[in-house]
């Protein structure tokens, strides 16, 4: 039988690594058009809460996975916010 802690680490590794291709794509192309600002804002806040929960429970798979996921998802969110701000500055003023 598999140790549940190992299961937690494997699950954490898989879900956390899933963000790496998205971050790399955005850093390479600079394209955040298809990224939802509302979704990523909510997601980053939820991951932050999971991190706080993991710390409170002293659950290392949750702490490690959510600390890394928070960093990766925050990069995406910050790049999206940067692009939204840039696009608003470029938008023509309506009369």
PDB file of N, CA and C in Angstrom:
ATOM      1  N   UNK A   1       0.853  -1.193   0.000  1.00  0.00           N
ATOM      2  CA  UNK A   1       0.000   0.000   0.000  1.00  0.00           C
ATOM      3  C   UNK A   1       0.891   1.246   0.000  1.00  0.00           C
ATOM      4  N   UNK A   2       0.454   2.270  -0.730  1.00  0.00           N
ATOM      5  CA  UNK A   2       1.235   3.505  -0.860  1.00  0.00           C
ATOM      6  C   UNK A   2       1.028   4.405   0.354  1.00  0.00           C
ATOM      7  N   UNK A   3       2.109   5.028   0.775  1.00  0.00           N
ATOM      8  CA  UNK A   3       2.058   5.973   1.891  1.00  0.00           C
ATOM      9  C   UNK A   3       1.292   7.224   1.440  1.00  0.00           C
ATOM     10  N   UNK A   4       0.327   7.672   2.225  1.00  0.00           N
ATOM     11  CA  UNK A   4      -0.480   8.831   1.851  1.00  0.00           C
ATOM     12  C   UNK A   4       0.353  10.098   1.705  1.00  0.00           C
ATOM     13  N   UNK A   5       1.418  10.225   2.453  1.00  0.00           N
ATOM     14  CA  UNK A   5       2.280  11.397   2.321  1.00  0.00           C
ATOM     15  C   UNK A   5       2.939  11.417   0.946  1.00  0.00           C
ATOM     16  N   UNK A   6       3.387  10.258   0.488  1.00  0.00           N
ATOM     17  CA  UNK A   6       3.982  10.171  -0.848  1.00  0.00           C
ATOM     18  C   UNK A   6       2.929  10.516  -1.895  1.00  0.00           C
ATOM     19  N   UNK A   7       1.711  10.023  -1.706  1.00  0.00           N
ATOM     20  CA  UNK A   7       0.610  10.355  -2.608  1.00  0.00           C
ATOM     21  C   UNK A   7       0.402  11.869  -2.651  1.00  0.00           C
ATOM     22  N   UNK A   8       0.458  12.504  -1.492  1.00  0.00           N
ATOM     23  CA  UNK A   8       0.320  13.961  -1.416  1.00  0.00           C
ATOM     24  C   UNK A   8       1.417  14.685  -2.168  1.00  0.00           C
ATOM     25  N   UNK A   9       2.657  14.230  -2.025  1.00  0.00           N
ATOM     26  CA  UNK A   9       3.767  14.853  -2.735  1.00  0.00           C
ATOM     27  C   UNK A   9       3.650  14.672  -4.250  1.00  0.00           C
ATOM     28  N   UNK A  10       3.232  13.490  -4.690  1.00  0.00           N
ATOM     29  CA  UNK A  10       3.076  13.239  -6.123  1.00  0.00           C
ATOM     30  C   UNK A  10       1.954  14.112  -6.688  1.00  0.00           C
ATOM     31  N   UNK A  11       0.847  14.192  -5.986  1.00  0.00           N
ATOM     32  CA  UNK A  11      -0.264  15.042  -6.418  1.00  0.00           C
ATOM     33  C   UNK A  11       0.166  16.507  -6.452  1.00  0.00           C
ATOM     34  N   UNK A  12       0.874  16.937  -5.436  1.00  0.00           N
ATOM     35  CA  UNK A  12       1.366  18.318  -5.369  1.00  0.00           C
ATOM     36  C   UNK A  12       2.306  18.607  -6.533  1.00  0.00           C
ATOM     37  N   UNK A  13       3.191  17.677  -6.829  1.00  0.00           N
ATOM     38  CA  UNK A  13       4.139  17.847  -7.929  1.00  0.00           C
ATOM     39  C   UNK A  13       3.400  18.010  -9.254  1.00  0.00           C
ATOM     40  N   UNK A  14       2.432  17.151  -9.496  1.00  0.00           N
ATOM     41  CA  UNK A  14       1.689  17.183 -10.762  1.00  0.00           C
ATOM     42  C   UNK A  14       0.900  18.482 -10.925  1.00  0.00           C
ATOM     43  N   UNK A  15       0.152  18.870  -9.920  1.00  0.00           N
ATOM     44  CA  UNK A  15      -0.675  20.069 -10.044  1.00  0.00           C
ATOM     45  C   UNK A  15       0.172  21.339 -10.097  1.00  0.00           C
ATOM     46  N   UNK A  16       1.257  21.361  -9.358  1.00  0.00           N
ATOM     47  CA  UNK A  16       2.131  22.537  -9.357  1.00  0.00           C
ATOM     48  C   UNK A  16       2.854  22.674 -10.685  1.00  0.00           C
ATOM     49  N   UNK A  17       3.382  21.587 -11.201  1.00  0.00           N
ATOM     50  CA  UNK A  17       4.119  21.625 -12.473  1.00  0.00           C
ATOM     51  C   UNK A  17       3.221  21.985 -13.647  1.00  0.00           C
ATOM     52  N   UNK A  18       1.932  21.808 -13.504  1.00  0.00           N
ATOM     53  CA  UNK A  18       1.027  22.129 -14.603  1.00  0.00           C
ATOM     54  C   UNK A  18       1.040  23.618 -14.943  1.00  0.00           C
ATOM     55  N   UNK A  19       1.491  24.458 -14.029  1.00  0.00           N
ATOM     56  CA  UNK A  19       1.539  25.898 -14.281  1.00  0.00           C
ATOM     57  C   UNK A  19       2.790  26.330 -15.036  1.00  0.00           C
ATOM     58  N   UNK A  20       3.818  25.525 -15.013  1.00  0.00           N
ATOM     59  CA  UNK A  20       5.083  25.899 -15.648  1.00  0.00           C
ATOM     60  C   UNK A  20       4.920  26.169 -17.149  1.00  0.00           C
ATOM     61  N   UNK A  21       4.257  25.313 -17.927  1.00  0.00           N
ATOM     62  CA  UNK A  21       4.105  25.617 -19.356  1.00  0.00           C
ATOM     63  C   UNK A  21       3.372  26.938 -19.618  1.00  0.00           C
ATOM     64  N   UNK A  22       2.366  27.249 -18.807  1.00  0.00           N
ATOM     65  CA  UNK A  22       1.626  28.500 -19.000  1.00  0.00           C
ATOM     66  C   UNK A  22       2.514  29.702 -18.719  1.00  0.00           C
ATOM     67  N   UNK A  23       3.272  29.643 -17.640  1.00  0.00           N
ATOM     68  CA  UNK A  23       4.192  30.743 -17.309  1.00  0.00           C
ATOM     69  C   UNK A  23       5.225  30.907 -18.420  1.00  0.00           C
ATOM     70  N   UNK A  24       5.810  29.803 -18.864  1.00  0.00           N
ATOM     71  CA  UNK A  24       6.829  29.863 -19.915  1.00  0.00           C
ATOM     72  C   UNK A  24       6.243  30.433 -21.209  1.00  0.00           C
ATOM     73  N   UNK A  25       5.027  30.022 -21.561  1.00  0.00           N
ATOM     74  CA  UNK A  25       4.376  30.520 -22.770  1.00  0.00           C
ATOM     75  C   UNK A  25       4.170  32.037 -22.684  1.00  0.00           C
ATOM     76  N   UNK A  26       3.664  32.504 -21.558  1.00  0.00           N
ATOM     77  CA  UNK A  26       3.402  33.937 -21.407  1.00  0.00           C
ATOM     78  C   UNK A  26       4.709  34.726 -21.415  1.00  0.00           C
ATOM     79  N   UNK A  27       5.729  34.209 -20.731  1.00  0.00           N
ATOM     80  CA  UNK A  27       7.014  34.907 -20.723  1.00  0.00           C
ATOM     81  C   UNK A  27       7.630  34.951 -22.123  1.00  0.00           C
ATOM     82  N   UNK A  28       7.435  33.887 -22.895  1.00  0.00           N
ATOM     83  CA  UNK A  28       8.005  33.812 -24.248  1.00  0.00           C
ATOM     84  C   UNK A  28       7.240  34.693 -25.234  1.00  0.00           C
ATOM     85  N   UNK A  29       5.904  34.634 -25.186  1.00  0.00           N
ATOM     86  CA  UNK A  29       5.092  35.334 -26.180  1.00  0.00           C
ATOM     87  C   UNK A  29       4.574  36.690 -25.704  1.00  0.00           C
ATOM     88  N   UNK A  30       4.456  36.849 -24.403  1.00  0.00           N
ATOM     89  CA  UNK A  30       3.881  38.072 -23.855  1.00  0.00           C
ATOM     90  C   UNK A  30       2.375  38.136 -24.016  1.00  0.00           C
ATOM     91  N   UNK A  31       1.753  37.058 -24.451  1.00  0.00           N
ATOM     92  CA  UNK A  31       0.321  37.028 -24.736  1.00  0.00           C
ATOM     93  C   UNK A  31      -0.480  36.570 -23.521  1.00  0.00           C
ATOM     94  N   UNK A  32      -1.281  37.470 -22.983  1.00  0.00           N
ATOM     95  CA  UNK A  32      -2.162  37.119 -21.863  1.00  0.00           C
ATOM     96  C   UNK A  32      -3.637  37.318 -22.212  1.00  0.00           C
ATOM     97  N   UNK A  33      -3.947  37.515 -23.490  1.00  0.00           N
ATOM     98  CA  UNK A  33      -5.333  37.791 -23.906  1.00  0.00           C
ATOM     99  C   UNK A  33      -6.309  36.706 -23.464  1.00  0.00           C
ATOM    100  N   UNK A  34      -5.883  35.457 -23.525  1.00  0.00           N
ATOM    101  CA  UNK A  34      -6.806  34.365 -23.205  1.00  0.00           C
ATOM    102  C   UNK A  34      -6.866  34.046 -21.715  1.00  0.00           C
ATOM    103  N   UNK A  35      -6.160  34.806 -20.913  1.00  0.00           N
ATOM    104  CA  UNK A  35      -6.140  34.586 -19.460  1.00  0.00           C
ATOM    105  C   UNK A  35      -7.230  35.448 -18.827  1.00  0.00           C
ATOM    106  N   UNK A  36      -8.043  34.847 -17.998  1.00  0.00           N
ATOM    107  CA  UNK A  36      -9.113  35.567 -17.312  1.00  0.00           C
ATOM    108  C   UNK A  36      -8.561  36.229 -16.048  1.00  0.00           C
ATOM    109  N   UNK A  37      -8.680  37.559 -15.986  1.00  0.00           N
ATOM    110  CA  UNK A  37      -8.218  38.297 -14.806  1.00  0.00           C
ATOM    111  C   UNK A  37      -9.015  37.893 -13.564  1.00  0.00           C
ATOM    112  N   UNK A  38     -10.320  37.772 -13.711  1.00  0.00           N
ATOM    113  CA  UNK A  38     -11.161  37.397 -12.563  1.00  0.00           C
ATOM    114  C   UNK A  38     -10.813  35.996 -12.070  1.00  0.00           C
ATOM    115  N   UNK A  39     -10.641  35.050 -13.001  1.00  0.00           N
ATOM    116  CA  UNK A  39     -10.331  33.678 -12.616  1.00  0.00           C
ATOM    117  C   UNK A  39      -8.988  33.599 -11.899  1.00  0.00           C
ATOM    118  N   UNK A  40      -7.965  34.229 -12.468  1.00  0.00           N
ATOM    119  CA  UNK A  40      -6.644  34.150 -11.840  1.00  0.00           C
ATOM    120  C   UNK A  40      -6.593  34.895 -10.517  1.00  0.00           C
ATOM    121  N   UNK A  41      -7.331  35.997 -10.390  1.00  0.00           N
ATOM    122  CA  UNK A  41      -7.392  36.715  -9.110  1.00  0.00           C
ATOM    123  C   UNK A  41      -7.984  35.819  -8.031  1.00  0.00           C
ATOM    124  N   UNK A  42      -9.086  35.183  -8.356  1.00  0.00           N
ATOM    125  CA  UNK A  42      -9.748  34.273  -7.410  1.00  0.00           C
ATOM    126  C   UNK A  42      -8.857  33.071  -7.109  1.00  0.00           C
ATOM    127  N   UNK A  43      -8.228  32.527  -8.146  1.00  0.00           N
ATOM    128  CA  UNK A  43      -7.376  31.359  -7.977  1.00  0.00           C
ATOM    129  C   UNK A  43      -6.177  31.665  -7.081  1.00  0.00           C
ATOM    130  N   UNK A  44      -5.506  32.790  -7.326  1.00  0.00           N
ATOM    131  CA  UNK A  44      -4.339  33.157  -6.513  1.00  0.00           C
ATOM    132  C   UNK A  44      -4.752  33.339  -5.055  1.00  0.00           C
ATOM    133  N   UNK A  45      -5.896  33.965  -4.821  1.00  0.00           N
ATOM    134  CA  UNK A  45      -6.369  34.126  -3.448  1.00  0.00           C
ATOM    135  C   UNK A  45      -6.662  32.767  -2.817  1.00  0.00           C
ATOM    136  N   UNK A  46      -7.283  31.869  -3.565  1.00  0.00           N
ATOM    137  CA  UNK A  46      -7.568  30.525  -3.051  1.00  0.00           C
ATOM    138  C   UNK A  46      -6.299  29.753  -2.738  1.00  0.00           C
ATOM    139  N   UNK A  47      -5.293  29.856  -3.600  1.00  0.00           N
ATOM    140  CA  UNK A  47      -4.016  29.170  -3.349  1.00  0.00           C
ATOM    141  C   UNK A  47      -3.350  29.755  -2.105  1.00  0.00           C
ATOM    142  N   UNK A  48      -3.440  31.072  -1.946  1.00  0.00           N
ATOM    143  CA  UNK A  48      -2.901  31.708  -0.739  1.00  0.00           C
ATOM    144  C   UNK A  48      -3.580  31.140   0.510  1.00  0.00           C
ATOM    145  N   UNK A  49      -4.893  30.991   0.451  1.00  0.00           N
ATOM    146  CA  UNK A  49      -5.626  30.430   1.599  1.00  0.00           C
ATOM    147  C   UNK A  49      -5.226  28.980   1.855  1.00  0.00           C
ATOM    148  N   UNK A  50      -5.018  28.184   0.786  1.00  0.00           N
ATOM    149  CA  UNK A  50      -4.544  26.807   0.957  1.00  0.00           C
ATOM    150  C   UNK A  50      -3.157  26.796   1.609  1.00  0.00           C
ATOM    151  N   UNK A  51      -2.312  27.740   1.239  1.00  0.00           N
ATOM    152  CA  UNK A  51      -0.991  27.834   1.848  1.00  0.00           C
ATOM    153  C   UNK A  51      -1.109  28.131   3.339  1.00  0.00           C
ATOM    154  N   UNK A  52      -1.970  29.068   3.687  1.00  0.00           N
ATOM    155  CA  UNK A  52      -2.198  29.390   5.105  1.00  0.00           C
ATOM    156  C   UNK A  52      -2.723  28.159   5.838  1.00  0.00           C
ATOM    157  N   UNK A  53      -3.659  27.451   5.212  1.00  0.00           N
ATOM    158  CA  UNK A  53      -4.203  26.223   5.795  1.00  0.00           C
ATOM    159  C   UNK A  53      -3.099  25.187   6.002  1.00  0.00           C
ATOM    160  N   UNK A  54      -2.269  24.987   4.989  1.00  0.00           N
ATOM    161  CA  UNK A  54      -1.175  24.018   5.098  1.00  0.00           C
ATOM    162  C   UNK A  54      -0.215  24.367   6.219  1.00  0.00           C
ATOM    163  N   UNK A  55       0.081  25.656   6.362  1.00  0.00           N
ATOM    164  CA  UNK A  55       0.959  26.097   7.451  1.00  0.00           C
ATOM    165  C   UNK A  55       0.301  25.824   8.796  1.00  0.00           C
ATOM    166  N   UNK A  56      -0.982  26.162   8.898  1.00  0.00           N
ATOM    167  CA  UNK A  56      -1.703  25.931  10.159  1.00  0.00           C
ATOM    168  C   UNK A  56      -1.745  24.450  10.517  1.00  0.00           C
ATOM    169  N   UNK A  57      -1.877  23.597   9.498  1.00  0.00           N
ATOM    170  CA  UNK A  57      -1.947  22.158   9.730  1.00  0.00           C
ATOM    171  C   UNK A  57      -0.561  21.503   9.757  1.00  0.00           C
ATOM    172  N   UNK A  58       0.458  22.271   9.423  1.00  0.00           N
ATOM    173  CA  UNK A  58       1.831  21.763   9.322  1.00  0.00           C
ATOM    174  C   UNK A  58       1.903  20.570   8.375  1.00  0.00           C
ATOM    175  N   UNK A  59       1.249  20.728   7.241  1.00  0.00           N
ATOM    176  CA  UNK A  59       1.167  19.679   6.227  1.00  0.00           C
ATOM    177  C   UNK A  59       2.097  20.062   5.071  1.00  0.00           C
ATOM    178  N   UNK A  60       3.279  19.448   5.055  1.00  0.00           N
ATOM    179  CA  UNK A  60       4.322  19.849   4.110  1.00  0.00           C
ATOM    180  C   UNK A  60       3.964  19.698   2.642  1.00  0.00           C
ATOM    181  N   UNK A  61       3.286  18.631   2.217  1.00  0.00           N
ATOM    182  CA  UNK A  61       2.904  18.594   0.797  1.00  0.00           C
ATOM    183  C   UNK A  61       2.026  19.782   0.396  1.00  0.00           C
ATOM    184  N   UNK A  62       1.101  20.170   1.261  1.00  0.00           N
ATOM    185  CA  UNK A  62       0.229  21.312   0.976  1.00  0.00           C
ATOM    186  C   UNK A  62       1.028  22.608   1.004  1.00  0.00           C
ATOM    187  N   UNK A  63       1.918  22.757   1.955  1.00  0.00           N
ATOM    188  CA  UNK A  63       2.727  23.978   2.062  1.00  0.00           C
ATOM    189  C   UNK A  63       3.611  24.144   0.828  1.00  0.00           C
ATOM    190  N   UNK A  64       4.357  23.112   0.495  1.00  0.00           N
ATOM    191  CA  UNK A  64       5.302  23.203  -0.625  1.00  0.00           C
ATOM    192  C   UNK A  64       4.574  23.440  -1.941  1.00  0.00           C
ATOM    193  N   UNK A  65       3.548  22.643  -2.196  1.00  0.00           N
ATOM    194  CA  UNK A  65       2.814  22.766  -3.467  1.00  0.00           C
ATOM    195  C   UNK A  65       2.186  24.141  -3.606  1.00  0.00           C
ATOM    196  N   UNK A  66       1.556  24.623  -2.562  1.00  0.00           N
ATOM    197  CA  UNK A  66       0.860  25.897  -2.666  1.00  0.00           C
ATOM    198  C   UNK A  66       1.803  27.086  -2.652  1.00  0.00           C
ATOM    199  N   UNK A  67       2.948  26.976  -2.009  1.00  0.00           N
ATOM    200  CA  UNK A  67       3.938  28.059  -2.067  1.00  0.00           C
ATOM    201  C   UNK A  67       4.454  28.215  -3.494  1.00  0.00           C
ATOM    202  N   UNK A  68       4.767  27.094  -4.137  1.00  0.00           N
ATOM    203  CA  UNK A  68       5.269  27.151  -5.513  1.00  0.00           C
ATOM    204  C   UNK A  68       4.156  27.565  -6.480  1.00  0.00           C
ATOM    205  N   UNK A  69       2.967  26.988  -6.312  1.00  0.00           N
ATOM    206  CA  UNK A  69       1.838  27.345  -7.171  1.00  0.00           C
ATOM    207  C   UNK A  69       1.482  28.819  -7.014  1.00  0.00           C
ATOM    208  N   UNK A  70       1.540  29.324  -5.784  1.00  0.00           N
ATOM    209  CA  UNK A  70       1.260  30.740  -5.549  1.00  0.00           C
ATOM    210  C   UNK A  70       2.246  31.610  -6.322  1.00  0.00           C
ATOM    211  N   UNK A  71       3.506  31.233  -6.316  1.00  0.00           N
ATOM    212  CA  UNK A  71       4.517  31.993  -7.043  1.00  0.00           C
ATOM    213  C   UNK A  71       4.228  31.959  -8.552  1.00  0.00           C
ATOM    214  N   UNK A  72       3.996  30.775  -9.101  1.00  0.00           N
ATOM    215  CA  UNK A  72       3.762  30.644 -10.545  1.00  0.00           C
ATOM    216  C   UNK A  72       2.470  31.344 -10.980  1.00  0.00           C
ATOM    217  N   UNK A  73       1.401  31.123 -10.252  1.00  0.00           N
ATOM    218  CA  UNK A  73       0.120  31.740 -10.606  1.00  0.00           C
ATOM    219  C   UNK A  73       0.176  33.255 -10.425  1.00  0.00           C
ATOM    220  N   UNK A  74       0.933  33.730  -9.445  1.00  0.00           N
ATOM    221  CA  UNK A  74       1.082  35.171  -9.232  1.00  0.00           C
ATOM    222  C   UNK A  74       1.826  35.823 -10.388  1.00  0.00           C
ATOM    223  N   UNK A  75       2.803  35.122 -10.947  1.00  0.00           N
ATOM    224  CA  UNK A  75       3.506  35.644 -12.123  1.00  0.00           C
ATOM    225  C   UNK A  75       2.511  35.851 -13.261  1.00  0.00           C
ATOM    226  N   UNK A  76       1.677  34.851 -13.506  1.00  0.00           N
ATOM    227  CA  UNK A  76       0.671  34.960 -14.558  1.00  0.00           C
ATOM    228  C   UNK A  76      -0.283  36.113 -14.262  1.00  0.00           C
ATOM    229  N   UNK A  77      -0.741  36.207 -13.023  1.00  0.00           N
ATOM    230  CA  UNK A  77      -1.675  37.270 -12.644  1.00  0.00           C
ATOM    231  C   UNK A  77      -1.033  38.650 -12.817  1.00  0.00           C
ATOM    232  N   UNK A  78       0.186  38.808 -12.374  1.00  0.00           N
ATOM    233  CA  UNK A  78       0.856  40.107 -12.492  1.00  0.00           C
ATOM    234  C   UNK A  78       1.085  40.499 -13.948  1.00  0.00           C
ATOM    235  N   UNK A  79       1.436  39.535 -14.784  1.00  0.00           N
ATOM    236  CA  UNK A  79       1.605  39.828 -16.210  1.00  0.00           C
ATOM    237  C   UNK A  79       0.270  40.208 -16.846  1.00  0.00           C
ATOM    238  N   UNK A  80      -0.804  39.537 -16.437  1.00  0.00           N
ATOM    239  CA  UNK A  80      -2.136  39.869 -16.936  1.00  0.00           C
ATOM    240  C   UNK A  80      -2.531  41.280 -16.500  1.00  0.00           C
ATOM    241  N   UNK A  81      -2.307  41.609 -15.240  1.00  0.00           N
ATOM    242  CA  UNK A  81      -2.632  42.955 -14.740  1.00  0.00           C
ATOM    243  C   UNK A  81      -1.819  44.004 -15.494  1.00  0.00           C
ATOM    244  N   UNK A  82      -0.544  43.732 -15.710  1.00  0.00           N
ATOM    245  CA  UNK A  82       0.315  44.653 -16.468  1.00  0.00           C
ATOM    246  C   UNK A  82      -0.277  44.915 -17.849  1.00  0.00           C
ATOM    247  N   UNK A  83      -0.718  43.849 -18.520  1.00  0.00           N
ATOM    248  CA  UNK A  83      -1.273  44.006 -19.860  1.00  0.00           C
ATOM    249  C   UNK A  83      -2.607  44.748 -19.850  1.00  0.00           C
ATOM    250  N   UNK A  84      -3.431  44.500 -18.857  1.00  0.00           N
ATOM    251  CA  UNK A  84      -4.712  45.211 -18.745  1.00  0.00           C
ATOM    252  C   UNK A  84      -4.450  46.702 -18.556  1.00  0.00           C
ATOM    253  N   UNK A  85      -3.509  47.046 -17.702  1.00  0.00           N
ATOM    254  CA  UNK A  85      -3.177  48.452 -17.457  1.00  0.00           C
ATOM    255  C   UNK A  85      -2.618  49.088 -18.735  1.00  0.00           C
ATOM    256  N   UNK A  86      -1.724  48.406 -19.418  1.00  0.00           N
ATOM    257  CA  UNK A  86      -1.151  48.927 -20.674  1.00  0.00           C
ATOM    258  C   UNK A  86      -2.233  49.148 -21.726  1.00  0.00           C
ATOM    259  N   UNK A  87      -3.148  48.200 -21.840  1.00  0.00           N
ATOM    260  CA  UNK A  87      -4.211  48.326 -22.847  1.00  0.00           C
ATOM    261  C   UNK A  87      -5.167  49.463 -22.528  1.00  0.00           C
ATOM    262  N   UNK A  88      -5.410  49.726 -21.249  1.00  0.00           N
ATOM    263  CA  UNK A  88      -6.283  50.829 -20.874  1.00  0.00           C
ATOM    264  C   UNK A  88      -5.625  52.163 -21.201  1.00  0.00           C
ATOM    265  N   UNK A  89      -4.304  52.239 -21.037  1.00  0.00           N
ATOM    266  CA  UNK A  89      -3.582  53.463 -21.358  1.00  0.00           C
ATOM    267  C   UNK A  89      -3.575  53.733 -22.854  1.00  0.00           C
ATOM    268  N   UNK A  90      -3.583  52.668 -23.656  1.00  0.00           N
ATOM    269  CA  UNK A  90      -3.550  52.790 -25.119  1.00  0.00           C
ATOM    270  C   UNK A  90      -4.932  53.029 -25.715  1.00  0.00           C
ATOM    271  N   UNK A  91      -5.969  52.679 -24.982  1.00  0.00           N
ATOM    272  CA  UNK A  91      -7.331  52.782 -25.518  1.00  0.00           C
ATOM    273  C   UNK A  91      -7.673  54.240 -25.796  1.00  0.00           C
ATOM    274  N   UNK A  92      -8.289  54.492 -26.956  1.00  0.00           N
ATOM    275  CA  UNK A  92      -8.684  55.870 -27.265  1.00  0.00           C
ATOM    276  C   UNK A  92      -9.808  56.340 -26.329  1.00  0.00           C
ATOM    277  N   UNK A  93      -9.745  57.596 -25.998  1.00  0.00           N
ATOM    278  CA  UNK A  93     -10.787  58.183 -25.148  1.00  0.00           C
ATOM    279  C   UNK A  93     -12.049  58.397 -25.977  1.00  0.00           C
ATOM    280  N   UNK A  94     -13.190  58.051 -25.401  1.00  0.00           N
ATOM    281  CA  UNK A  94     -14.451  58.269 -26.109  1.00  0.00           C
ATOM    282  C   UNK A  94     -14.952  59.678 -25.793  1.00  0.00           C
ATOM    283  N   UNK A  95     -15.657  60.231 -26.737  1.00  0.00           N
ATOM    284  CA  UNK A  95     -16.116  61.614 -26.606  1.00  0.00           C
ATOM    285  C   UNK A  95     -17.276  61.762 -25.702  1.00  0.00           C
TER     286      UNK A  95
END
